[in-house]
N, C-alpha and C. Protein backbone atom coordinates (compact mmCIF):
# COMPACT_ATOMS: atom_id res chain seq x y z
N MET A 1 163.70 188.63 30.67
CA MET A 1 164.49 188.72 31.58
C MET A 1 165.46 187.18 31.74
N SER A 2 166.80 187.64 31.78
CA SER A 2 167.02 185.69 32.23
C SER A 2 168.66 185.93 33.49
N THR A 3 168.07 185.59 34.31
CA THR A 3 168.88 185.87 35.19
C THR A 3 168.84 184.73 36.10
N GLU A 4 169.58 184.54 36.84
CA GLU A 4 169.88 183.19 38.38
C GLU A 4 169.79 183.85 39.36
N ARG A 5 170.21 185.23 39.75
CA ARG A 5 170.30 185.42 41.07
C ARG A 5 169.28 187.00 41.40
N ILE A 6 168.88 187.57 41.95
CA ILE A 6 168.94 188.77 41.60
C ILE A 6 169.01 189.22 42.75
N ILE A 7 170.12 190.36 43.41
CA ILE A 7 170.25 190.71 45.03
C ILE A 7 169.22 192.09 45.55
N VAL A 8 168.58 191.48 46.04
CA VAL A 8 167.20 192.99 46.54
C VAL A 8 167.79 193.25 47.84
N VAL A 9 167.47 194.85 48.12
CA VAL A 9 167.92 195.06 49.69
C VAL A 9 166.76 194.59 50.56
N GLU A 10 167.26 194.39 51.76
CA GLU A 10 165.88 193.19 52.40
C GLU A 10 165.33 194.29 52.74
N ALA A 11 164.98 195.58 52.66
CA ALA A 11 163.86 196.98 53.30
C ALA A 11 163.02 196.73 52.10
N VAL A 12 163.05 195.97 51.27
CA VAL A 12 162.15 196.05 50.15
C VAL A 12 161.55 195.17 49.13
N ALA A 13 162.42 193.44 49.59
CA ALA A 13 162.70 192.15 49.31
C ALA A 13 161.10 191.37 48.91
N ASP A 14 160.36 192.01 50.19
CA ASP A 14 158.67 191.48 50.12
C ASP A 14 158.17 192.26 49.31
N ALA A 15 158.12 193.08 48.88
CA ALA A 15 157.65 193.89 47.71
C ALA A 15 158.19 193.44 46.91
N PHE A 16 158.93 193.60 46.13
CA PHE A 16 159.88 192.92 45.06
C PHE A 16 159.41 191.50 44.51
N VAL A 17 159.33 190.30 45.63
CA VAL A 17 158.88 189.41 45.62
C VAL A 17 157.33 189.16 45.04
N GLU A 18 156.34 190.16 45.43
CA GLU A 18 154.97 189.85 45.41
C GLU A 18 155.18 190.97 43.70
N GLN A 19 155.81 191.83 43.58
CA GLN A 19 155.47 192.49 42.30
C GLN A 19 155.73 191.08 41.11
N LEU A 20 157.58 190.82 41.55
CA LEU A 20 158.06 189.74 40.38
C LEU A 20 156.86 188.59 39.43
N ALA A 21 156.26 188.25 40.78
CA ALA A 21 155.29 187.34 40.80
C ALA A 21 154.24 187.50 40.13
N THR A 22 153.91 188.60 39.52
CA THR A 22 152.87 189.82 39.10
C THR A 22 153.20 189.57 37.25
N LEU A 23 155.00 189.72 37.41
CA LEU A 23 154.92 189.54 35.66
C LEU A 23 154.24 188.40 34.61
N PRO A 24 153.89 188.71 33.92
CA PRO A 24 153.76 187.55 32.15
C PRO A 24 154.59 186.24 32.74
N HIS A 25 154.78 185.31 32.74
CA HIS A 25 155.70 183.93 32.44
C HIS A 25 155.42 183.06 31.49
N GLY A 26 156.03 182.52 30.47
CA GLY A 26 155.63 181.09 30.16
C GLY A 26 156.15 181.38 28.64
N ASN A 27 155.48 181.06 27.82
CA ASN A 27 156.46 181.07 26.19
C ASN A 27 156.83 182.42 25.79
N PRO A 28 158.06 183.52 25.33
CA PRO A 28 158.85 184.47 25.64
C PRO A 28 158.41 184.68 24.28
N ARG A 29 157.18 183.76 23.43
CA ARG A 29 157.09 184.49 22.13
C ARG A 29 156.16 185.17 22.16
N GLY A 30 155.37 185.38 23.12
CA GLY A 30 154.29 186.10 23.52
C GLY A 30 154.23 187.64 24.34
N GLN A 31 153.36 187.55 25.32
CA GLN A 31 153.60 188.49 25.96
C GLN A 31 154.45 188.48 27.15
N ALA A 32 155.40 187.52 27.14
CA ALA A 32 155.94 186.89 28.42
C ALA A 32 156.66 187.59 29.10
N VAL A 33 157.39 187.96 29.91
CA VAL A 33 158.47 188.77 30.43
C VAL A 33 159.26 187.64 30.99
N LEU A 34 158.80 186.62 31.50
CA LEU A 34 159.76 185.28 32.05
C LEU A 34 159.63 184.51 30.98
N GLY A 35 160.61 183.86 30.87
CA GLY A 35 160.50 182.31 29.91
C GLY A 35 160.61 181.08 30.69
N LEU A 36 160.09 180.14 29.93
CA LEU A 36 159.91 179.50 31.10
C LEU A 36 161.23 178.25 31.17
N PRO A 37 162.01 177.41 32.31
CA PRO A 37 162.35 176.78 32.74
C PRO A 37 163.07 175.84 31.48
N VAL A 38 164.95 175.95 31.16
CA VAL A 38 164.98 174.92 30.47
C VAL A 38 165.40 173.85 30.37
N SER A 39 165.11 173.11 31.77
CA SER A 39 165.47 171.82 31.45
C SER A 39 164.62 171.56 33.53
N LEU A 40 164.73 170.36 33.92
CA LEU A 40 164.63 169.87 35.22
C LEU A 40 165.08 170.81 36.50
N ALA A 41 167.08 170.97 36.10
CA ALA A 41 167.70 170.98 36.92
C ALA A 41 167.13 173.03 37.47
N ALA A 42 166.71 174.05 36.45
CA ALA A 42 166.73 174.52 36.16
C ALA A 42 165.18 175.45 36.83
N ALA A 43 164.25 174.59 36.70
CA ALA A 43 162.62 174.21 37.11
C ALA A 43 163.40 173.99 38.87
N GLN A 44 164.08 173.49 38.79
CA GLN A 44 164.44 172.88 40.49
C GLN A 44 164.95 174.05 40.98
N LYS A 45 165.75 175.16 40.41
CA LYS A 45 165.67 175.88 41.47
C LYS A 45 165.22 177.10 41.90
N TRP A 46 163.92 176.97 40.89
CA TRP A 46 162.82 178.26 41.58
C TRP A 46 161.92 177.44 42.79
N THR A 47 161.97 175.94 43.06
CA THR A 47 161.85 175.77 44.29
C THR A 47 162.62 175.75 44.99
N ARG A 48 163.36 176.27 45.71
CA ARG A 48 164.01 176.52 46.85
C ARG A 48 164.16 177.18 47.49
């Protein structure tokens, strides 16, 4: 999955974030659904 913004209905936002956090992430050559950030600037967007 590659995206910078996901729009979620507020009523399900907390549950969505919890489920998103359980997706495998890391090296996309393995079983990862979410790849690694490609730069420091991209990584910093995740921490906002």
